[in-house]
Amino acid sequence: MIRFTVNYPKGEGATFDHAYYANTHIPLCNGIWNPTKTEIDKGIDGPNVAAVHFYFDSMETFQSSMGSPRSGEALADVPNYTNIVPTTQLSEIVA
């Protein structure tokens, strides 16, 4: 199982619309990439305002999903909910 995480770090002047993210952006991403599972985090304490975790059955499935010709739609939507430059992590779930 592969997990692709997008983190939105806290910072001076950072803005983030959690409702738009959960109700519009993530459904858009799910429709484009078709992950096995998706989890959304709203930061309470720690370095991030928010995060999302997309799960894929394999590296091949992840790569195929990210290679979708519609991936640009997801990236173009980012300014609609935040001014934060996100960080990402790709992980293999081992346990």
PDB file of N, CA and C in Angstrom:
ATOM      1  N   MET A   1       0.854  -1.173   0.000  1.00  0.00           N
ATOM      2  CA  MET A   1       0.000   0.000   0.000  1.00  0.00           C
ATOM      3  C   MET A   1       0.902   1.238   0.000  1.00  0.00           C
ATOM      4  N   ILE A   2       0.537   2.211  -0.815  1.00  0.00           N
ATOM      5  CA  ILE A   2       1.279   3.462  -0.943  1.00  0.00           C
ATOM      6  C   ILE A   2       0.426   4.598  -0.394  1.00  0.00           C
ATOM      7  N   ARG A   3       1.048   5.492   0.384  1.00  0.00           N
ATOM      8  CA  ARG A   3       0.351   6.666   0.922  1.00  0.00           C
ATOM      9  C   ARG A   3       1.049   7.919   0.402  1.00  0.00           C
ATOM     10  N   PHE A   4       0.278   8.783  -0.210  1.00  0.00           N
ATOM     11  CA  PHE A   4       0.769  10.085  -0.671  1.00  0.00           C
ATOM     12  C   PHE A   4       0.156  11.144   0.228  1.00  0.00           C
ATOM     13  N   THR A   5       1.013  11.858   0.969  1.00  0.00           N
ATOM     14  CA  THR A   5       0.567  12.861   1.934  1.00  0.00           C
ATOM     15  C   THR A   5       0.932  14.252   1.450  1.00  0.00           C
ATOM     16  N   VAL A   6      -0.032  15.162   1.557  1.00  0.00           N
ATOM     17  CA  VAL A   6       0.192  16.570   1.255  1.00  0.00           C
ATOM     18  C   VAL A   6      -0.033  17.334   2.550  1.00  0.00           C
ATOM     19  N   ASN A   7       1.018  18.004   3.035  1.00  0.00           N
ATOM     20  CA  ASN A   7       0.963  18.790   4.270  1.00  0.00           C
ATOM     21  C   ASN A   7       0.942  20.274   3.956  1.00  0.00           C
ATOM     22  N   TYR A   8       0.192  21.022   4.753  1.00  0.00           N
ATOM     23  CA  TYR A   8       0.115  22.472   4.619  1.00  0.00           C
ATOM     24  C   TYR A   8       0.646  23.093   5.903  1.00  0.00           C
ATOM     25  N   PRO A   9       1.930  23.507   5.903  1.00  0.00           N
ATOM     26  CA  PRO A   9       2.554  24.020   7.117  1.00  0.00           C
ATOM     27  C   PRO A   9       1.989  25.373   7.550  1.00  0.00           C
ATOM     28  N   LYS A  10       1.942  25.551   8.869  1.00  0.00           N
ATOM     29  CA  LYS A  10       1.551  26.836   9.443  1.00  0.00           C
ATOM     30  C   LYS A  10       2.611  27.875   9.101  1.00  0.00           C
ATOM     31  N   GLY A  11       2.195  29.130   9.033  1.00  0.00           N
ATOM     32  CA  GLY A  11       3.142  30.201   8.769  1.00  0.00           C
ATOM     33  C   GLY A  11       2.479  31.559   8.865  1.00  0.00           C
ATOM     34  N   GLU A  12       3.296  32.554   8.996  1.00  0.00           N
ATOM     35  CA  GLU A  12       2.825  33.935   9.066  1.00  0.00           C
ATOM     36  C   GLU A  12       2.021  34.276   7.815  1.00  0.00           C
ATOM     37  N   GLY A  13       0.800  34.754   8.005  1.00  0.00           N
ATOM     38  CA  GLY A  13      -0.040  35.161   6.889  1.00  0.00           C
ATOM     39  C   GLY A  13      -0.688  34.024   6.115  1.00  0.00           C
ATOM     40  N   ALA A  14      -0.544  32.804   6.604  1.00  0.00           N
ATOM     41  CA  ALA A  14      -1.117  31.651   5.912  1.00  0.00           C
ATOM     42  C   ALA A  14      -2.635  31.672   6.015  1.00  0.00           C
ATOM     43  N   THR A  15      -3.296  31.355   4.895  1.00  0.00           N
ATOM     44  CA  THR A  15      -4.753  31.229   4.887  1.00  0.00           C
ATOM     45  C   THR A  15      -5.115  29.834   4.376  1.00  0.00           C
ATOM     46  N   PHE A  16      -6.223  29.301   4.899  1.00  0.00           N
ATOM     47  CA  PHE A  16      -6.661  27.966   4.503  1.00  0.00           C
ATOM     48  C   PHE A  16      -8.157  27.858   4.742  1.00  0.00           C
ATOM     49  N   ASP A  17      -8.917  27.516   3.716  1.00  0.00           N
ATOM     50  CA  ASP A  17     -10.364  27.355   3.798  1.00  0.00           C
ATOM     51  C   ASP A  17     -10.677  25.863   3.916  1.00  0.00           C
ATOM     52  N   HIS A  18     -10.863  25.408   5.155  1.00  0.00           N
ATOM     53  CA  HIS A  18     -11.078  23.978   5.413  1.00  0.00           C
ATOM     54  C   HIS A  18     -12.362  23.455   4.763  1.00  0.00           C
ATOM     55  N   ALA A  19     -13.415  24.257   4.753  1.00  0.00           N
ATOM     56  CA  ALA A  19     -14.682  23.803   4.164  1.00  0.00           C
ATOM     57  C   ALA A  19     -14.529  23.590   2.654  1.00  0.00           C
ATOM     58  N   TYR A  20     -13.912  24.544   1.965  1.00  0.00           N
ATOM     59  CA  TYR A  20     -13.703  24.386   0.524  1.00  0.00           C
ATOM     60  C   TYR A  20     -12.819  23.176   0.251  1.00  0.00           C
ATOM     61  N   TYR A  21     -11.783  23.017   1.061  1.00  0.00           N
ATOM     62  CA  TYR A  21     -10.853  21.901   0.893  1.00  0.00           C
ATOM     63  C   TYR A  21     -11.589  20.561   0.976  1.00  0.00           C
ATOM     64  N   ALA A  22     -12.383  20.392   2.037  1.00  0.00           N
ATOM     65  CA  ALA A  22     -13.070  19.123   2.270  1.00  0.00           C
ATOM     66  C   ALA A  22     -14.237  18.888   1.306  1.00  0.00           C
ATOM     67  N   ASN A  23     -14.943  19.955   0.952  1.00  0.00           N
ATOM     68  CA  ASN A  23     -16.167  19.800   0.172  1.00  0.00           C
ATOM     69  C   ASN A  23     -15.986  19.933  -1.340  1.00  0.00           C
ATOM     70  N   THR A  24     -14.890  20.580  -1.768  1.00  0.00           N
ATOM     71  CA  THR A  24     -14.692  20.818  -3.196  1.00  0.00           C
ATOM     72  C   THR A  24     -13.369  20.262  -3.712  1.00  0.00           C
ATOM     73  N   HIS A  25     -12.261  20.666  -3.066  1.00  0.00           N
ATOM     74  CA  HIS A  25     -10.957  20.278  -3.604  1.00  0.00           C
ATOM     75  C   HIS A  25     -10.701  18.777  -3.503  1.00  0.00           C
ATOM     76  N   ILE A  26     -10.901  18.193  -2.347  1.00  0.00           N
ATOM     77  CA  ILE A  26     -10.604  16.769  -2.187  1.00  0.00           C
ATOM     78  C   ILE A  26     -11.539  15.901  -3.039  1.00  0.00           C
ATOM     79  N   PRO A  27     -12.840  16.197  -3.136  1.00  0.00           N
ATOM     80  CA  PRO A  27     -13.656  15.428  -4.083  1.00  0.00           C
ATOM     81  C   PRO A  27     -13.157  15.546  -5.530  1.00  0.00           C
ATOM     82  N   LEU A  28     -12.652  16.717  -5.919  1.00  0.00           N
ATOM     83  CA  LEU A  28     -12.062  16.880  -7.250  1.00  0.00           C
ATOM     84  C   LEU A  28     -10.872  15.941  -7.410  1.00  0.00           C
ATOM     85  N   CYS A  29      -9.973  15.939  -6.434  1.00  0.00           N
ATOM     86  CA  CYS A  29      -8.787  15.075  -6.476  1.00  0.00           C
ATOM     87  C   CYS A  29      -9.179  13.600  -6.512  1.00  0.00           C
ATOM     88  N   ASN A  30     -10.134  13.223  -5.685  1.00  0.00           N
ATOM     89  CA  ASN A  30     -10.582  11.821  -5.669  1.00  0.00           C
ATOM     90  C   ASN A  30     -11.163  11.409  -7.017  1.00  0.00           C
ATOM     91  N   GLY A  31     -11.865  12.319  -7.669  1.00  0.00           N
ATOM     92  CA  GLY A  31     -12.429  12.020  -8.974  1.00  0.00           C
ATOM     93  C   GLY A  31     -11.383  11.868 -10.062  1.00  0.00           C
ATOM     94  N   ILE A  32     -10.276  12.579  -9.903  1.00  0.00           N
ATOM     95  CA  ILE A  32      -9.192  12.501 -10.889  1.00  0.00           C
ATOM     96  C   ILE A  32      -8.310  11.279 -10.639  1.00  0.00           C
ATOM     97  N   TRP A  33      -7.919  11.075  -9.387  1.00  0.00           N
ATOM     98  CA  TRP A  33      -6.915  10.058  -9.058  1.00  0.00           C
ATOM     99  C   TRP A  33      -7.484   8.726  -8.596  1.00  0.00           C
ATOM    100  N   ASN A  34      -8.725   8.695  -8.138  1.00  0.00           N
ATOM    101  CA  ASN A  34      -9.380   7.462  -7.710  1.00  0.00           C
ATOM    102  C   ASN A  34      -8.553   6.655  -6.699  1.00  0.00           C
ATOM    103  N   PRO A  35      -8.151   7.280  -5.581  1.00  0.00           N
ATOM    104  CA  PRO A  35      -7.403   6.524  -4.572  1.00  0.00           C
ATOM    105  C   PRO A  35      -8.289   5.475  -3.903  1.00  0.00           C
ATOM    106  N   THR A  36      -7.647   4.500  -3.269  1.00  0.00           N
ATOM    107  CA  THR A  36      -8.359   3.466  -2.527  1.00  0.00           C
ATOM    108  C   THR A  36      -9.059   4.053  -1.319  1.00  0.00           C
ATOM    109  N   LYS A  37      -8.409   5.037  -0.689  1.00  0.00           N
ATOM    110  CA  LYS A  37      -8.913   5.654   0.540  1.00  0.00           C
ATOM    111  C   LYS A  37      -8.313   7.056   0.634  1.00  0.00           C
ATOM    112  N   THR A  38      -9.048   7.978   1.279  1.00  0.00           N
ATOM    113  CA  THR A  38      -8.556   9.331   1.508  1.00  0.00           C
ATOM    114  C   THR A  38      -8.891   9.746   2.932  1.00  0.00           C
ATOM    115  N   GLU A  39      -7.936  10.375   3.610  1.00  0.00           N
ATOM    116  CA  GLU A  39      -8.153  10.922   4.952  1.00  0.00           C
ATOM    117  C   GLU A  39      -7.732  12.387   4.948  1.00  0.00           C
ATOM    118  N   ILE A  40      -8.558  13.240   5.555  1.00  0.00           N
ATOM    119  CA  ILE A  40      -8.255  14.660   5.660  1.00  0.00           C
ATOM    120  C   ILE A  40      -8.001  14.988   7.123  1.00  0.00           C
ATOM    121  N   ASP A  41      -6.900  15.716   7.394  1.00  0.00           N
ATOM    122  CA  ASP A  41      -6.576  16.169   8.748  1.00  0.00           C
ATOM    123  C   ASP A  41      -6.770  17.674   8.844  1.00  0.00           C
ATOM    124  N   LYS A  42      -7.386  18.124   9.922  1.00  0.00           N
ATOM    125  CA  LYS A  42      -7.424  19.540  10.276  1.00  0.00           C
ATOM    126  C   LYS A  42      -6.529  19.693  11.494  1.00  0.00           C
ATOM    127  N   GLY A  43      -5.412  20.419  11.317  1.00  0.00           N
ATOM    128  CA  GLY A  43      -4.432  20.530  12.386  1.00  0.00           C
ATOM    129  C   GLY A  43      -4.989  21.193  13.637  1.00  0.00           C
ATOM    130  N   ILE A  44      -4.738  20.585  14.774  1.00  0.00           N
ATOM    131  CA  ILE A  44      -5.099  21.153  16.069  1.00  0.00           C
ATOM    132  C   ILE A  44      -3.839  21.666  16.755  1.00  0.00           C
ATOM    133  N   ASP A  45      -2.810  20.844  16.745  1.00  0.00           N
ATOM    134  CA  ASP A  45      -1.524  21.190  17.328  1.00  0.00           C
ATOM    135  C   ASP A  45      -0.467  20.591  16.411  1.00  0.00           C
ATOM    136  N   GLY A  46       0.668  21.233  16.344  1.00  0.00           N
ATOM    137  CA  GLY A  46       1.726  20.716  15.491  1.00  0.00           C
ATOM    138  C   GLY A  46       2.050  21.676  14.367  1.00  0.00           C
ATOM    139  N   PRO A  47       2.866  21.246  13.429  1.00  0.00           N
ATOM    140  CA  PRO A  47       3.390  22.159  12.412  1.00  0.00           C
ATOM    141  C   PRO A  47       2.469  22.436  11.229  1.00  0.00           C
ATOM    142  N   ASN A  48       1.345  21.694  11.097  1.00  0.00           N
ATOM    143  CA  ASN A  48       0.518  21.821   9.903  1.00  0.00           C
ATOM    144  C   ASN A  48      -0.885  22.336  10.197  1.00  0.00           C
ATOM    145  N   VAL A  49      -1.383  23.169   9.286  1.00  0.00           N
ATOM    146  CA  VAL A  49      -2.760  23.653   9.333  1.00  0.00           C
ATOM    147  C   VAL A  49      -3.697  22.527   8.905  1.00  0.00           C
ATOM    148  N   ALA A  50      -3.251  21.746   7.917  1.00  0.00           N
ATOM    149  CA  ALA A  50      -4.053  20.659   7.367  1.00  0.00           C
ATOM    150  C   ALA A  50      -3.143  19.673   6.647  1.00  0.00           C
ATOM    151  N   ALA A  51      -3.714  18.526   6.343  1.00  0.00           N
ATOM    152  CA  ALA A  51      -3.016  17.512   5.555  1.00  0.00           C
ATOM    153  C   ALA A  51      -4.064  16.615   4.918  1.00  0.00           C
ATOM    154  N   VAL A  52      -3.658  15.937   3.867  1.00  0.00           N
ATOM    155  CA  VAL A  52      -4.500  14.911   3.270  1.00  0.00           C
ATOM    156  C   VAL A  52      -3.617  13.715   2.958  1.00  0.00           C
ATOM    157  N   HIS A  53      -4.195  12.530   3.115  1.00  0.00           N
ATOM    158  CA  HIS A  53      -3.485  11.277   2.857  1.00  0.00           C
ATOM    159  C   HIS A  53      -4.295  10.502   1.817  1.00  0.00           C
ATOM    160  N   PHE A  54      -3.689  10.286   0.665  1.00  0.00           N
ATOM    161  CA  PHE A  54      -4.293   9.481  -0.393  1.00  0.00           C
ATOM    162  C   PHE A  54      -3.614   8.116  -0.383  1.00  0.00           C
ATOM    163  N   TYR A  55      -4.405   7.044  -0.382  1.00  0.00           N
ATOM    164  CA  TYR A  55      -3.861   5.685  -0.361  1.00  0.00           C
ATOM    165  C   TYR A  55      -4.099   5.013  -1.715  1.00  0.00           C
ATOM    166  N   PHE A  56      -3.082   4.293  -2.168  1.00  0.00           N
ATOM    167  CA  PHE A  56      -3.136   3.575  -3.443  1.00  0.00           C
ATOM    168  C   PHE A  56      -2.656   2.144  -3.215  1.00  0.00           C
ATOM    169  N   ASP A  57      -3.204   1.207  -3.983  1.00  0.00           N
ATOM    170  CA  ASP A  57      -2.868  -0.205  -3.796  1.00  0.00           C
ATOM    171  C   ASP A  57      -1.416  -0.538  -4.120  1.00  0.00           C
ATOM    172  N   SER A  58      -0.799   0.215  -5.033  1.00  0.00           N
ATOM    173  CA  SER A  58       0.570  -0.090  -5.446  1.00  0.00           C
ATOM    174  C   SER A  58       1.246   1.167  -5.978  1.00  0.00           C
ATOM    175  N   MET A  59       2.548   1.099  -6.152  1.00  0.00           N
ATOM    176  CA  MET A  59       3.298   2.206  -6.736  1.00  0.00           C
ATOM    177  C   MET A  59       2.842   2.440  -8.174  1.00  0.00           C
ATOM    178  N   GLU A  60       2.548   1.374  -8.875  1.00  0.00           N
ATOM    179  CA  GLU A  60       2.094   1.495 -10.254  1.00  0.00           C
ATOM    180  C   GLU A  60       0.759   2.244 -10.331  1.00  0.00           C
ATOM    181  N   THR A  61      -0.148   1.919  -9.421  1.00  0.00           N
ATOM    182  CA  THR A  61      -1.448   2.598  -9.385  1.00  0.00           C
ATOM    183  C   THR A  61      -1.262   4.072  -9.056  1.00  0.00           C
ATOM    184  N   PHE A  62      -0.393   4.373  -8.088  1.00  0.00           N
ATOM    185  CA  PHE A  62      -0.106   5.763  -7.730  1.00  0.00           C
ATOM    186  C   PHE A  62       0.444   6.525  -8.932  1.00  0.00           C
ATOM    187  N   GLN A  63       1.444   5.951  -9.589  1.00  0.00           N
ATOM    188  CA  GLN A  63       2.077   6.629 -10.721  1.00  0.00           C
ATOM    189  C   GLN A  63       1.087   6.848 -11.865  1.00  0.00           C
ATOM    190  N   SER A  64       0.265   5.878 -12.119  1.00  0.00           N
ATOM    191  CA  SER A  64      -0.745   6.011 -13.164  1.00  0.00           C
ATOM    192  C   SER A  64      -1.743   7.110 -12.812  1.00  0.00           C
ATOM    193  N   SER A  65      -2.154   7.161 -11.552  1.00  0.00           N
ATOM    194  CA  SER A  65      -3.101   8.185 -11.104  1.00  0.00           C
ATOM    195  C   SER A  65      -2.513   9.584 -11.226  1.00  0.00           C
ATOM    196  N   MET A  66      -1.281   9.753 -10.780  1.00  0.00           N
ATOM    197  CA  MET A  66      -0.643  11.073 -10.835  1.00  0.00           C
ATOM    198  C   MET A  66      -0.362  11.495 -12.277  1.00  0.00           C
ATOM    199  N   GLY A  67      -0.254  10.518 -13.160  1.00  0.00           N
ATOM    200  CA  GLY A  67       0.001  10.813 -14.562  1.00  0.00           C
ATOM    201  C   GLY A  67      -1.255  11.166 -15.350  1.00  0.00           C
ATOM    202  N   SER A  68      -2.376  11.235 -14.660  1.00  0.00           N
ATOM    203  CA  SER A  68      -3.631  11.573 -15.338  1.00  0.00           C
ATOM    204  C   SER A  68      -3.519  12.924 -16.030  1.00  0.00           C
ATOM    205  N   PRO A  69      -4.051  13.044 -17.242  1.00  0.00           N
ATOM    206  CA  PRO A  69      -4.036  14.334 -17.934  1.00  0.00           C
ATOM    207  C   PRO A  69      -4.845  15.397 -17.192  1.00  0.00           C
ATOM    208  N   ARG A  70      -5.665  14.985 -16.227  1.00  0.00           N
ATOM    209  CA  ARG A  70      -6.471  15.927 -15.450  1.00  0.00           C
ATOM    210  C   ARG A  70      -5.794  16.394 -14.158  1.00  0.00           C
ATOM    211  N   SER A  71      -4.590  15.900 -13.850  1.00  0.00           N
ATOM    212  CA  SER A  71      -3.907  16.303 -12.613  1.00  0.00           C
ATOM    213  C   SER A  71      -3.724  17.813 -12.526  1.00  0.00           C
ATOM    214  N   GLY A  72      -3.543  18.458 -13.647  1.00  0.00           N
ATOM    215  CA  GLY A  72      -3.397  19.915 -13.664  1.00  0.00           C
ATOM    216  C   GLY A  72      -4.606  20.635 -13.100  1.00  0.00           C
ATOM    217  N   GLU A  73      -5.791  20.042 -13.220  1.00  0.00           N
ATOM    218  CA  GLU A  73      -7.000  20.639 -12.652  1.00  0.00           C
ATOM    219  C   GLU A  73      -6.889  20.738 -11.138  1.00  0.00           C
ATOM    220  N   ALA A  74      -6.350  19.699 -10.515  1.00  0.00           N
ATOM    221  CA  ALA A  74      -6.195  19.707  -9.061  1.00  0.00           C
ATOM    222  C   ALA A  74      -5.210  20.788  -8.643  1.00  0.00           C
ATOM    223  N   LEU A  75      -4.101  20.895  -9.344  1.00  0.00           N
ATOM    224  CA  LEU A  75      -3.103  21.912  -9.006  1.00  0.00           C
ATOM    225  C   LEU A  75      -3.643  23.320  -9.232  1.00  0.00           C
ATOM    226  N   ALA A  76      -4.404  23.516 -10.284  1.00  0.00           N
ATOM    227  CA  ALA A  76      -4.961  24.834 -10.587  1.00  0.00           C
ATOM    228  C   ALA A  76      -5.977  25.277  -9.544  1.00  0.00           C
ATOM    229  N   ASP A  77      -6.553  24.339  -8.799  1.00  0.00           N
ATOM    230  CA  ASP A  77      -7.570  24.661  -7.795  1.00  0.00           C
ATOM    231  C   ASP A  77      -6.977  25.127  -6.469  1.00  0.00           C
ATOM    232  N   VAL A  78      -5.700  24.886  -6.229  1.00  0.00           N
ATOM    233  CA  VAL A  78      -5.071  25.202  -4.935  1.00  0.00           C
ATOM    234  C   VAL A  78      -5.295  26.652  -4.498  1.00  0.00           C
ATOM    235  N   PRO A  79      -5.121  27.665  -5.357  1.00  0.00           N
ATOM    236  CA  PRO A  79      -5.331  29.048  -4.904  1.00  0.00           C
ATOM    237  C   PRO A  79      -6.760  29.341  -4.435  1.00  0.00           C
ATOM    238  N   ASN A  80      -7.696  28.460  -4.716  1.00  0.00           N
ATOM    239  CA  ASN A  80      -9.071  28.668  -4.260  1.00  0.00           C
ATOM    240  C   ASN A  80      -9.265  28.394  -2.774  1.00  0.00           C
ATOM    241  N   TYR A  81      -8.289  27.732  -2.125  1.00  0.00           N
ATOM    242  CA  TYR A  81      -8.455  27.438  -0.700  1.00  0.00           C
ATOM    243  C   TYR A  81      -7.248  27.797   0.167  1.00  0.00           C
ATOM    244  N   THR A  82      -6.081  28.086  -0.426  1.00  0.00           N
ATOM    245  CA  THR A  82      -4.922  28.400   0.417  1.00  0.00           C
ATOM    246  C   THR A  82      -3.868  29.196  -0.336  1.00  0.00           C
ATOM    247  N   ASN A  83      -3.045  29.886   0.437  1.00  0.00           N
ATOM    248  CA  ASN A  83      -1.852  30.537  -0.106  1.00  0.00           C
ATOM    249  C   ASN A  83      -0.587  29.832   0.371  1.00  0.00           C
ATOM    250  N   ILE A  84      -0.745  28.688   1.017  1.00  0.00           N
ATOM    251  CA  ILE A  84       0.364  27.908   1.561  1.00  0.00           C
ATOM    252  C   ILE A  84       0.988  27.048   0.462  1.00  0.00           C
ATOM    253  N   VAL A  85       2.317  27.015   0.436  1.00  0.00           N
ATOM    254  CA  VAL A  85       3.019  26.086  -0.461  1.00  0.00           C
ATOM    255  C   VAL A  85       3.111  24.749   0.278  1.00  0.00           C
ATOM    256  N   PRO A  86       2.446  23.711  -0.221  1.00  0.00           N
ATOM    257  CA  PRO A  86       2.434  22.442   0.499  1.00  0.00           C
ATOM    258  C   PRO A  86       3.740  21.667   0.358  1.00  0.00           C
ATOM    259  N   THR A  87       3.926  20.750   1.283  1.00  0.00           N
ATOM    260  CA  THR A  87       5.010  19.780   1.191  1.00  0.00           C
ATOM    261  C   THR A  87       4.361  18.408   1.009  1.00  0.00           C
ATOM    262  N   THR A  88       5.090  17.484   0.398  1.00  0.00           N
ATOM    263  CA  THR A  88       4.533  16.157   0.158  1.00  0.00           C
ATOM    264  C   THR A  88       5.461  15.062   0.663  1.00  0.00           C
ATOM    265  N   GLN A  89       4.879  13.917   0.918  1.00  0.00           N
ATOM    266  CA  GLN A  89       5.655  12.736   1.267  1.00  0.00           C
ATOM    267  C   GLN A  89       4.995  11.526   0.645  1.00  0.00           C
ATOM    268  N   LEU A  90       5.796  10.677   0.035  1.00  0.00           N
ATOM    269  CA  LEU A  90       5.344   9.411  -0.525  1.00  0.00           C
ATOM    270  C   LEU A  90       5.887   8.299   0.370  1.00  0.00           C
ATOM    271  N   SER A  91       4.993   7.426   0.859  1.00  0.00           N
ATOM    272  CA  SER A  91       5.402   6.394   1.798  1.00  0.00           C
ATOM    273  C   SER A  91       4.850   5.036   1.385  1.00  0.00           C
ATOM    274  N   GLU A  92       5.585   4.003   1.751  1.00  0.00           N
ATOM    275  CA  GLU A  92       5.087   2.644   1.636  1.00  0.00           C
ATOM    276  C   GLU A  92       4.603   2.219   3.018  1.00  0.00           C
ATOM    277  N   ILE A  93       3.368   1.780   3.116  1.00  0.00           N
ATOM    278  CA  ILE A  93       2.829   1.305   4.398  1.00  0.00           C
ATOM    279  C   ILE A  93       3.388  -0.097   4.637  1.00  0.00           C
ATOM    280  N   VAL A  94       4.121  -0.273   5.725  1.00  0.00           N
ATOM    281  CA  VAL A  94       4.769  -1.558   5.984  1.00  0.00           C
ATOM    282  C   VAL A  94       4.117  -2.328   7.144  1.00  0.00           C
ATOM    283  N   ALA A  95       3.281  -1.676   7.911  1.00  0.00           N
ATOM    284  CA  ALA A  95       2.589  -2.379   9.012  1.00  0.00           C
ATOM    285  C   ALA A  95       1.310  -1.672   9.347  1.00  0.00           C
TER     286      ALA A  95
END
